[in-house]
Amino acid sequence: MADHRRHDYYGREDQDQYGAGGMMKSMLPERGPSTQQILAVVTLLPLGGFLLLVAGLVFAATLIGLAVATPVFVICSPVIVPAALAIGMAVMGFLTSGAFGITALSSLSWMANYIRRTRVGAVVPEQMEHAKRRAQDVAGQVGQKARDVGQAVQGKAQDASRGVQEGVGSRSPGRT
């Protein structure tokens, strides 16, 4: 028979995963949502819903306005300026509706991704320490590189000053 035992990261066996209801247990989180996650849902869900509602209302108002204005365009076809204004307003309505919709959907998507990946207190300090160490390493490398370049420039300046002094000393006073 196949042995369905599995070892986790620390070498411990995990036999219950494939047992009765084990697959479902592996899909559920180990603990409940944190306070930050609950606050994110409580604030962003109504905001996203409101923005979607506003997007729908603006879209509906734009369609109604365009439907009402179309016969006026047909009757008053020689009047170009009002038609251009109405078309401009219709385009602005569609763009505004799209902007509200995209804002609402992106905020809801961000909230879902935030809730999925957040582990309170564990990830952020480790990432900050790694970033600090990396910044210190880069600062040390930049400092060493600056010292090397400074020494190279100083050496070239000394070589150039020696060359100028040798050139001045080799001239004879009678020639110009």
N, C-alpha and C. Protein backbone atom coordinates (compact mmCIF):
# COMPACT_ATOMS: atom_id res chain seq x y z
N MET A 1 0.83 -1.19 0.00
CA MET A 1 0.00 0.00 0.00
C MET A 1 0.87 1.24 0.00
N ALA A 2 0.30 2.29 -0.47
CA ALA A 2 1.05 3.56 -0.51
C ALA A 2 1.07 4.19 0.88
N ASP A 3 2.21 4.70 1.26
CA ASP A 3 2.35 5.36 2.54
C ASP A 3 2.12 6.86 2.33
N HIS A 4 1.04 7.38 2.91
CA HIS A 4 0.66 8.77 2.69
C HIS A 4 1.21 9.71 3.75
N ARG A 5 2.18 9.25 4.53
CA ARG A 5 2.75 10.14 5.53
C ARG A 5 3.59 11.20 4.84
N ARG A 6 3.56 12.35 5.43
CA ARG A 6 4.27 13.48 4.86
C ARG A 6 5.05 14.17 5.96
N HIS A 7 6.19 14.72 5.62
CA HIS A 7 7.00 15.44 6.60
C HIS A 7 6.89 16.92 6.30
N ASP A 8 6.72 17.71 7.34
CA ASP A 8 6.66 19.16 7.15
C ASP A 8 8.08 19.73 7.17
N TYR A 9 8.17 21.01 7.22
CA TYR A 9 9.45 21.73 7.15
C TYR A 9 10.40 21.33 8.28
N TYR A 10 9.87 21.03 9.44
CA TYR A 10 10.70 20.71 10.59
C TYR A 10 10.92 19.20 10.76
N GLY A 11 10.47 18.39 9.82
CA GLY A 11 10.69 16.95 9.87
C GLY A 11 9.62 16.18 10.61
N ARG A 12 8.57 16.86 11.06
CA ARG A 12 7.50 16.17 11.77
C ARG A 12 6.59 15.50 10.74
N GLU A 13 6.05 14.34 11.13
CA GLU A 13 5.14 13.63 10.23
C GLU A 13 3.75 14.22 10.32
N ASP A 14 3.08 14.27 9.20
CA ASP A 14 1.71 14.77 9.15
C ASP A 14 0.85 13.68 8.51
N GLN A 15 0.31 12.79 9.35
CA GLN A 15 -0.49 11.68 8.84
C GLN A 15 -1.95 12.06 8.68
N ASP A 16 -2.42 13.04 9.44
CA ASP A 16 -3.84 13.37 9.48
C ASP A 16 -4.31 14.07 8.20
N GLN A 17 -3.38 14.57 7.38
CA GLN A 17 -3.79 15.35 6.22
C GLN A 17 -4.61 14.50 5.24
N TYR A 18 -4.21 13.27 5.04
CA TYR A 18 -4.91 12.43 4.08
C TYR A 18 -5.93 11.51 4.73
N GLY A 19 -6.08 11.60 6.05
CA GLY A 19 -7.06 10.79 6.75
C GLY A 19 -8.46 11.33 6.54
N ALA A 20 -9.38 10.89 7.36
CA ALA A 20 -10.77 11.31 7.24
C ALA A 20 -10.88 12.80 7.51
N GLY A 21 -11.24 13.56 6.52
CA GLY A 21 -11.39 15.00 6.66
C GLY A 21 -10.06 15.74 6.70
N GLY A 22 -8.97 15.05 6.50
CA GLY A 22 -7.65 15.67 6.57
C GLY A 22 -7.41 16.68 5.45
N MET A 23 -7.91 16.41 4.27
CA MET A 23 -7.70 17.33 3.16
C MET A 23 -8.40 18.65 3.44
N MET A 24 -9.57 18.59 4.04
CA MET A 24 -10.29 19.81 4.37
C MET A 24 -9.55 20.58 5.47
N LYS A 25 -8.96 19.88 6.42
CA LYS A 25 -8.23 20.54 7.49
C LYS A 25 -7.01 21.29 6.95
N SER A 26 -6.37 20.75 5.91
CA SER A 26 -5.19 21.42 5.37
C SER A 26 -5.57 22.68 4.61
N MET A 27 -6.80 22.82 4.20
CA MET A 27 -7.22 24.01 3.45
C MET A 27 -7.70 25.12 4.37
N LEU A 28 -8.07 24.78 5.60
CA LEU A 28 -8.57 25.78 6.54
C LEU A 28 -7.41 26.43 7.28
N PRO A 29 -7.54 27.70 7.65
CA PRO A 29 -6.46 28.33 8.41
C PRO A 29 -6.35 27.73 9.81
N GLU A 30 -5.17 27.85 10.38
CA GLU A 30 -4.93 27.27 11.70
C GLU A 30 -5.57 28.09 12.82
N ARG A 31 -5.72 29.40 12.60
CA ARG A 31 -6.32 30.24 13.63
C ARG A 31 -7.27 31.22 12.94
N GLY A 32 -8.07 31.91 13.74
CA GLY A 32 -9.05 32.84 13.21
C GLY A 32 -8.41 34.11 12.68
N PRO A 33 -9.21 34.98 12.10
CA PRO A 33 -8.67 36.23 11.56
C PRO A 33 -8.20 37.15 12.67
N SER A 34 -7.19 37.96 12.33
CA SER A 34 -6.66 38.91 13.31
C SER A 34 -7.54 40.15 13.35
N THR A 35 -7.25 41.01 14.31
CA THR A 35 -8.01 42.26 14.44
C THR A 35 -7.80 43.14 13.22
N GLN A 36 -6.56 43.17 12.71
CA GLN A 36 -6.28 43.98 11.52
C GLN A 36 -7.07 43.48 10.32
N GLN A 37 -7.17 42.18 10.17
CA GLN A 37 -7.93 41.62 9.05
C GLN A 37 -9.41 41.94 9.18
N ILE A 38 -9.93 41.86 10.39
CA ILE A 38 -11.35 42.17 10.59
C ILE A 38 -11.61 43.64 10.30
N LEU A 39 -10.72 44.52 10.77
CA LEU A 39 -10.89 45.95 10.49
C LEU A 39 -10.78 46.24 8.99
N ALA A 40 -9.89 45.53 8.30
CA ALA A 40 -9.76 45.72 6.85
C ALA A 40 -11.06 45.35 6.15
N VAL A 41 -11.66 44.23 6.54
CA VAL A 41 -12.91 43.81 5.92
C VAL A 41 -14.03 44.79 6.25
N VAL A 42 -14.09 45.20 7.52
CA VAL A 42 -15.17 46.09 7.95
C VAL A 42 -15.09 47.44 7.25
N THR A 43 -13.89 47.93 6.98
CA THR A 43 -13.78 49.24 6.32
C THR A 43 -13.81 49.14 4.81
N LEU A 44 -13.14 48.16 4.23
CA LEU A 44 -13.03 48.12 2.78
C LEU A 44 -14.24 47.51 2.08
N LEU A 45 -14.93 46.60 2.72
CA LEU A 45 -16.10 46.01 2.08
C LEU A 45 -17.20 47.04 1.83
N PRO A 46 -17.60 47.84 2.82
CA PRO A 46 -18.60 48.86 2.53
C PRO A 46 -18.10 49.92 1.54
N LEU A 47 -16.81 50.26 1.63
CA LEU A 47 -16.26 51.23 0.69
C LEU A 47 -16.29 50.70 -0.73
N GLY A 48 -15.88 49.46 -0.92
CA GLY A 48 -15.94 48.84 -2.25
C GLY A 48 -17.36 48.73 -2.76
N GLY A 49 -18.28 48.34 -1.89
CA GLY A 49 -19.68 48.26 -2.29
C GLY A 49 -20.25 49.61 -2.67
N PHE A 50 -19.91 50.64 -1.90
CA PHE A 50 -20.38 51.99 -2.22
C PHE A 50 -19.84 52.47 -3.56
N LEU A 51 -18.54 52.22 -3.79
CA LEU A 51 -17.95 52.64 -5.06
C LEU A 51 -18.56 51.89 -6.25
N LEU A 52 -18.87 50.60 -6.07
CA LEU A 52 -19.54 49.87 -7.13
C LEU A 52 -20.94 50.41 -7.37
N LEU A 53 -21.65 50.78 -6.31
CA LEU A 53 -22.98 51.37 -6.44
C LEU A 53 -22.91 52.69 -7.19
N VAL A 54 -21.95 53.54 -6.82
CA VAL A 54 -21.80 54.84 -7.49
C VAL A 54 -21.44 54.62 -8.96
N ALA A 55 -20.57 53.65 -9.24
CA ALA A 55 -20.21 53.36 -10.63
C ALA A 55 -21.44 52.94 -11.43
N GLY A 56 -22.28 52.10 -10.85
CA GLY A 56 -23.49 51.68 -11.55
C GLY A 56 -24.46 52.83 -11.77
N LEU A 57 -24.62 53.69 -10.76
CA LEU A 57 -25.52 54.84 -10.91
C LEU A 57 -25.02 55.82 -11.97
N VAL A 58 -23.73 56.09 -11.98
CA VAL A 58 -23.18 56.99 -12.99
C VAL A 58 -23.34 56.39 -14.38
N PHE A 59 -23.11 55.07 -14.50
CA PHE A 59 -23.27 54.41 -15.79
C PHE A 59 -24.72 54.48 -16.26
N ALA A 60 -25.67 54.22 -15.37
CA ALA A 60 -27.10 54.28 -15.73
C ALA A 60 -27.50 55.70 -16.10
N ALA A 61 -27.04 56.70 -15.33
CA ALA A 61 -27.37 58.09 -15.65
C ALA A 61 -26.80 58.49 -16.99
N THR A 62 -25.62 58.02 -17.31
CA THR A 62 -25.01 58.34 -18.60
C THR A 62 -25.81 57.74 -19.74
N LEU A 63 -26.23 56.49 -19.59
CA LEU A 63 -27.04 55.85 -20.63
C LEU A 63 -28.39 56.56 -20.80
N ILE A 64 -29.04 56.93 -19.70
CA ILE A 64 -30.33 57.63 -19.79
C ILE A 64 -30.16 58.99 -20.44
N GLY A 65 -29.12 59.71 -20.02
CA GLY A 65 -28.86 61.01 -20.63
C GLY A 65 -28.57 60.91 -22.11
N LEU A 66 -27.83 59.91 -22.52
CA LEU A 66 -27.53 59.71 -23.93
C LEU A 66 -28.80 59.34 -24.71
N ALA A 67 -29.67 58.51 -24.12
CA ALA A 67 -30.92 58.14 -24.78
C ALA A 67 -31.85 59.34 -24.92
N VAL A 68 -31.87 60.22 -23.93
CA VAL A 68 -32.73 61.41 -24.00
C VAL A 68 -32.16 62.42 -25.00
N ALA A 69 -30.85 62.54 -25.06
CA ALA A 69 -30.23 63.55 -25.91
C ALA A 69 -30.15 63.14 -27.38
N THR A 70 -30.24 61.86 -27.70
CA THR A 70 -30.12 61.41 -29.09
C THR A 70 -31.19 62.01 -30.00
N PRO A 71 -32.47 62.03 -29.64
CA PRO A 71 -33.45 62.67 -30.54
C PRO A 71 -33.18 64.16 -30.74
N VAL A 72 -32.67 64.81 -29.70
CA VAL A 72 -32.33 66.22 -29.84
C VAL A 72 -31.21 66.38 -30.86
N PHE A 73 -30.27 65.47 -30.87
CA PHE A 73 -29.19 65.53 -31.87
C PHE A 73 -29.74 65.37 -33.28
N VAL A 74 -30.71 64.47 -33.45
CA VAL A 74 -31.27 64.24 -34.78
C VAL A 74 -32.05 65.47 -35.24
N ILE A 75 -32.85 66.06 -34.36
CA ILE A 75 -33.67 67.23 -34.74
C ILE A 75 -32.77 68.43 -34.98
N CYS A 76 -31.82 68.66 -34.15
CA CYS A 76 -30.95 69.83 -34.23
C CYS A 76 -29.57 69.46 -34.75
N SER A 77 -29.50 68.71 -35.80
CA SER A 77 -28.21 68.25 -36.31
C SER A 77 -27.27 69.37 -36.75
N PRO A 78 -27.75 70.53 -37.21
CA PRO A 78 -26.79 71.57 -37.59
C PRO A 78 -26.07 72.20 -36.40
N VAL A 79 -26.59 71.98 -35.22
CA VAL A 79 -25.97 72.59 -34.05
C VAL A 79 -24.88 71.64 -33.54
N ILE A 80 -23.66 71.99 -33.89
CA ILE A 80 -22.53 71.10 -33.59
C ILE A 80 -22.04 71.25 -32.15
N VAL A 81 -22.00 72.46 -31.65
CA VAL A 81 -21.41 72.70 -30.32
C VAL A 81 -22.15 71.97 -29.22
N PRO A 82 -23.47 72.05 -29.15
CA PRO A 82 -24.15 71.27 -28.11
C PRO A 82 -23.95 69.76 -28.26
N ALA A 83 -23.90 69.31 -29.50
CA ALA A 83 -23.67 67.87 -29.71
C ALA A 83 -22.29 67.47 -29.19
N ALA A 84 -21.29 68.31 -29.49
CA ALA A 84 -19.93 68.01 -29.00
C ALA A 84 -19.89 68.04 -27.48
N LEU A 85 -20.59 69.00 -26.88
CA LEU A 85 -20.63 69.06 -25.42
C LEU A 85 -21.30 67.82 -24.83
N ALA A 86 -22.41 67.41 -25.43
CA ALA A 86 -23.11 66.23 -24.92
C ALA A 86 -22.28 64.96 -25.08
N ILE A 87 -21.62 64.85 -26.22
CA ILE A 87 -20.76 63.67 -26.44
C ILE A 87 -19.60 63.69 -25.44
N GLY A 88 -19.03 64.88 -25.22
CA GLY A 88 -17.96 64.99 -24.22
C GLY A 88 -18.43 64.60 -22.84
N MET A 89 -19.64 65.05 -22.48
CA MET A 89 -20.17 64.69 -21.17
C MET A 89 -20.45 63.20 -21.08
N ALA A 90 -20.92 62.59 -22.18
CA ALA A 90 -21.17 61.15 -22.18
C ALA A 90 -19.86 60.38 -22.00
N VAL A 91 -18.81 60.83 -22.70
CA VAL A 91 -17.51 60.17 -22.56
C VAL A 91 -17.00 60.32 -21.13
N MET A 92 -17.15 61.52 -20.57
CA MET A 92 -16.72 61.72 -19.18
C MET A 92 -17.52 60.83 -18.23
N GLY A 93 -18.81 60.65 -18.50
CA GLY A 93 -19.62 59.76 -17.67
C GLY A 93 -19.14 58.33 -17.73
N PHE A 94 -18.85 57.85 -18.95
CA PHE A 94 -18.34 56.48 -19.09
C PHE A 94 -16.99 56.32 -18.39
N LEU A 95 -16.11 57.29 -18.54
CA LEU A 95 -14.79 57.21 -17.90
C LEU A 95 -14.90 57.26 -16.38
N THR A 96 -15.80 58.12 -15.89
CA THR A 96 -16.00 58.20 -14.44
C THR A 96 -16.56 56.89 -13.90
N SER A 97 -17.52 56.33 -14.61
CA SER A 97 -18.09 55.06 -14.20
C SER A 97 -17.02 53.97 -14.17
N GLY A 98 -16.20 53.93 -15.21
CA GLY A 98 -15.12 52.94 -15.25
C GLY A 98 -14.11 53.14 -14.13
N ALA A 99 -13.79 54.41 -13.84
CA ALA A 99 -12.83 54.68 -12.78
C ALA A 99 -13.36 54.23 -11.42
N PHE A 100 -14.64 54.53 -11.15
CA PHE A 100 -15.22 54.06 -9.88
C PHE A 100 -15.25 52.54 -9.81
N GLY A 101 -15.60 51.90 -10.93
CA GLY A 101 -15.64 50.44 -10.95
C GLY A 101 -14.27 49.82 -10.74
N ILE A 102 -13.26 50.35 -11.43
CA ILE A 102 -11.91 49.81 -11.27
C ILE A 102 -11.40 50.05 -9.86
N THR A 103 -11.69 51.22 -9.30
CA THR A 103 -11.26 51.51 -7.93
C THR A 103 -11.91 50.53 -6.95
N ALA A 104 -13.19 50.29 -7.13
CA ALA A 104 -13.88 49.37 -6.22
C ALA A 104 -13.33 47.95 -6.35
N LEU A 105 -13.17 47.48 -7.58
CA LEU A 105 -12.68 46.12 -7.76
C LEU A 105 -11.24 45.96 -7.29
N SER A 106 -10.39 46.97 -7.52
CA SER A 106 -9.01 46.85 -7.07
C SER A 106 -8.91 46.89 -5.55
N SER A 107 -9.77 47.69 -4.90
CA SER A 107 -9.73 47.70 -3.43
C SER A 107 -10.22 46.38 -2.87
N LEU A 108 -11.24 45.79 -3.47
CA LEU A 108 -11.70 44.48 -3.02
C LEU A 108 -10.65 43.41 -3.27
N SER A 109 -9.96 43.47 -4.41
CA SER A 109 -8.90 42.52 -4.72
C SER A 109 -7.74 42.66 -3.74
N TRP A 110 -7.36 43.91 -3.44
CA TRP A 110 -6.28 44.14 -2.49
C TRP A 110 -6.65 43.57 -1.12
N MET A 111 -7.90 43.81 -0.72
CA MET A 111 -8.34 43.33 0.58
C MET A 111 -8.27 41.80 0.63
N ALA A 112 -8.70 41.13 -0.43
CA ALA A 112 -8.66 39.67 -0.44
C ALA A 112 -7.22 39.17 -0.38
N ASN A 113 -6.32 39.78 -1.15
CA ASN A 113 -4.92 39.36 -1.12
C ASN A 113 -4.28 39.66 0.22
N TYR A 114 -4.62 40.77 0.83
CA TYR A 114 -4.08 41.13 2.15
C TYR A 114 -4.50 40.11 3.20
N ILE A 115 -5.75 39.73 3.17
CA ILE A 115 -6.25 38.76 4.15
C ILE A 115 -5.61 37.41 3.93
N ARG A 116 -5.39 37.01 2.67
CA ARG A 116 -4.79 35.71 2.38
C ARG A 116 -3.35 35.61 2.84
N ARG A 117 -2.56 36.67 2.69
CA ARG A 117 -1.14 36.56 2.93
C ARG A 117 -0.69 37.08 4.29
N THR A 118 -1.55 37.70 5.06
CA THR A 118 -1.14 38.32 6.31
C THR A 118 -0.95 37.28 7.40
N ARG A 119 0.20 37.36 8.04
CA ARG A 119 0.46 36.60 9.26
C ARG A 119 1.00 37.61 10.24
N VAL A 120 0.22 37.92 11.21
CA VAL A 120 0.51 39.02 12.12
C VAL A 120 1.78 38.74 12.91
N GLY A 121 2.69 39.71 12.93
CA GLY A 121 3.86 39.67 13.78
C GLY A 121 5.01 38.82 13.31
N ALA A 122 4.87 37.99 12.28
CA ALA A 122 5.95 37.09 11.91
C ALA A 122 6.72 37.58 10.70
N VAL A 123 6.06 38.03 9.68
CA VAL A 123 6.71 38.30 8.41
C VAL A 123 7.37 39.67 8.39
N VAL A 124 6.70 40.69 8.87
CA VAL A 124 7.18 42.05 8.72
C VAL A 124 8.51 42.29 9.43
N PRO A 125 8.70 41.90 10.70
CA PRO A 125 10.01 42.14 11.33
C PRO A 125 11.15 41.43 10.61
N GLU A 126 10.93 40.21 10.12
CA GLU A 126 11.97 39.50 9.40
C GLU A 126 12.33 40.24 8.12
N GLN A 127 11.34 40.73 7.42
CA GLN A 127 11.61 41.47 6.18
C GLN A 127 12.34 42.78 6.49
N MET A 128 11.98 43.44 7.58
CA MET A 128 12.64 44.68 7.94
C MET A 128 14.11 44.43 8.30
N GLU A 129 14.39 43.36 9.05
CA GLU A 129 15.76 43.04 9.41
C GLU A 129 16.57 42.70 8.17
N HIS A 130 15.99 41.96 7.26
CA HIS A 130 16.68 41.62 6.02
C HIS A 130 16.98 42.90 5.22
N ALA A 131 16.02 43.81 5.14
CA ALA A 131 16.22 45.06 4.42
C ALA A 131 17.30 45.90 5.08
N LYS A 132 17.33 45.94 6.42
CA LYS A 132 18.37 46.70 7.12
C LYS A 132 19.76 46.11 6.85
N ARG A 133 19.87 44.79 6.93
CA ARG A 133 21.17 44.16 6.65
C ARG A 133 21.62 44.43 5.22
N ARG A 134 20.70 44.35 4.30
CA ARG A 134 21.03 44.59 2.89
C ARG A 134 21.47 46.04 2.68
N ALA A 135 20.78 46.98 3.33
CA ALA A 135 21.16 48.39 3.20
C ALA A 135 22.54 48.63 3.79
N GLN A 136 22.86 47.99 4.92
CA GLN A 136 24.20 48.13 5.51
C GLN A 136 25.27 47.56 4.59
N ASP A 137 24.99 46.41 3.98
CA ASP A 137 25.94 45.82 3.04
C ASP A 137 26.20 46.74 1.85
N VAL A 138 25.13 47.27 1.30
CA VAL A 138 25.26 48.16 0.14
C VAL A 138 26.02 49.43 0.53
N ALA A 139 25.74 49.98 1.72
CA ALA A 139 26.45 51.18 2.17
C ALA A 139 27.94 50.88 2.33
N GLY A 140 28.29 49.74 2.86
CA GLY A 140 29.70 49.36 3.00
C GLY A 140 30.38 49.21 1.65
N GLN A 141 29.69 48.60 0.68
CA GLN A 141 30.26 48.43 -0.66
C GLN A 141 30.45 49.78 -1.34
N VAL A 142 29.48 50.67 -1.19
CA VAL A 142 29.59 52.00 -1.80
C VAL A 142 30.75 52.77 -1.18
N GLY A 143 30.91 52.69 0.14
CA GLY A 143 32.01 53.37 0.81
C GLY A 143 33.36 52.85 0.35
N GLN A 144 33.50 51.55 0.20
CA GLN A 144 34.76 50.96 -0.26
C GLN A 144 35.05 51.39 -1.68
N LYS A 145 34.03 51.39 -2.51
CA LYS A 145 34.21 51.80 -3.91
C LYS A 145 34.63 53.27 -3.98
N ALA A 146 34.04 54.13 -3.13
CA ALA A 146 34.41 55.54 -3.11
C ALA A 146 35.86 55.71 -2.68
N ARG A 147 36.32 54.94 -1.69
CA ARG A 147 37.72 55.01 -1.27
C ARG A 147 38.65 54.59 -2.41
N ASP A 148 38.30 53.50 -3.09
CA ASP A 148 39.13 53.02 -4.20
C ASP A 148 39.23 54.06 -5.31
N VAL A 149 38.11 54.66 -5.65
CA VAL A 149 38.11 55.68 -6.71
C VAL A 149 38.91 56.90 -6.27
N GLY A 150 38.78 57.30 -5.01
CA GLY A 150 39.54 58.44 -4.49
C GLY A 150 41.03 58.18 -4.56
N GLN A 151 41.47 56.98 -4.20
CA GLN A 151 42.88 56.65 -4.26
C GLN A 151 43.38 56.64 -5.70
N ALA A 152 42.55 56.13 -6.61
CA ALA A 152 42.95 56.11 -8.02
C ALA A 152 43.08 57.52 -8.57
N VAL A 153 42.16 58.40 -8.23
CA VAL A 153 42.22 59.79 -8.69
C VAL A 153 43.45 60.48 -8.09
N GLN A 154 43.73 60.23 -6.83
CA GLN A 154 44.89 60.84 -6.18
C GLN A 154 46.18 60.37 -6.83
N GLY A 155 46.26 59.09 -7.15
CA GLY A 155 47.45 58.56 -7.83
C GLY A 155 47.63 59.18 -9.20
N LYS A 156 46.56 59.33 -9.96
CA LYS A 156 46.66 59.95 -11.28
C LYS A 156 47.06 61.41 -11.17
N ALA A 157 46.55 62.11 -10.16
CA ALA A 157 46.91 63.52 -9.97
C ALA A 157 48.39 63.64 -9.64
N GLN A 158 48.92 62.74 -8.82
CA GLN A 158 50.35 62.77 -8.49
C GLN A 158 51.19 62.47 -9.73
N ASP A 159 50.77 61.50 -10.52
CA ASP A 159 51.48 61.19 -11.76
C ASP A 159 51.48 62.38 -12.70
N ALA A 160 50.35 63.05 -12.81
CA ALA A 160 50.25 64.21 -13.70
C ALA A 160 51.13 65.35 -13.20
N SER A 161 51.17 65.58 -11.88
CA SER A 161 52.01 66.66 -11.35
C SER A 161 53.49 66.36 -11.54
N ARG A 162 53.89 65.09 -11.44
CA ARG A 162 55.27 64.70 -11.71
C ARG A 162 55.62 64.95 -13.17
N GLY A 163 54.69 64.62 -14.05
CA GLY A 163 54.93 64.83 -15.48
C GLY A 163 55.09 66.30 -15.81
N VAL A 164 54.29 67.16 -15.18
CA VAL A 164 54.39 68.60 -15.42
C VAL A 164 55.71 69.13 -14.88
N GLN A 165 56.13 68.68 -13.71
CA GLN A 165 57.39 69.13 -13.12
C GLN A 165 58.58 68.67 -13.96
N GLU A 166 58.55 67.47 -14.49
CA GLU A 166 59.63 66.98 -15.35
C GLU A 166 59.67 67.76 -16.65
N GLY A 167 58.51 68.11 -17.16
CA GLY A 167 58.45 68.89 -18.41
C GLY A 167 59.00 70.29 -18.21
N VAL A 168 58.79 70.92 -17.07
CA VAL A 168 59.29 72.26 -16.78
C VAL A 168 60.80 72.21 -16.58
N GLY A 169 61.31 71.21 -15.90
CA GLY A 169 62.74 71.10 -15.62
C GLY A 169 63.56 70.76 -16.86
N SER A 170 62.99 70.17 -17.88
CA SER A 170 63.74 69.77 -19.06
C SER A 170 63.90 70.89 -20.08
N ARG A 171 63.22 71.98 -19.95
CA ARG A 171 63.35 73.11 -20.88
C ARG A 171 64.67 73.84 -20.62
N SER A 172 65.25 74.28 -21.68
CA SER A 172 66.48 75.09 -21.51
C SER A 172 66.11 76.56 -21.51
N PRO A 173 66.80 77.39 -20.74
CA PRO A 173 66.41 78.79 -20.60
C PRO A 173 66.65 79.59 -21.88
N GLY A 174 67.47 79.15 -22.80
CA GLY A 174 67.75 79.93 -24.00
C GLY A 174 66.68 79.80 -25.07
N ARG A 175 65.93 78.78 -25.04
CA ARG A 175 64.91 78.55 -26.09
C ARG A 175 63.56 79.03 -25.62
N THR A 176 62.79 79.56 -26.58
CA THR A 176 61.42 79.98 -26.28
C THR A 176 60.47 79.46 -27.30
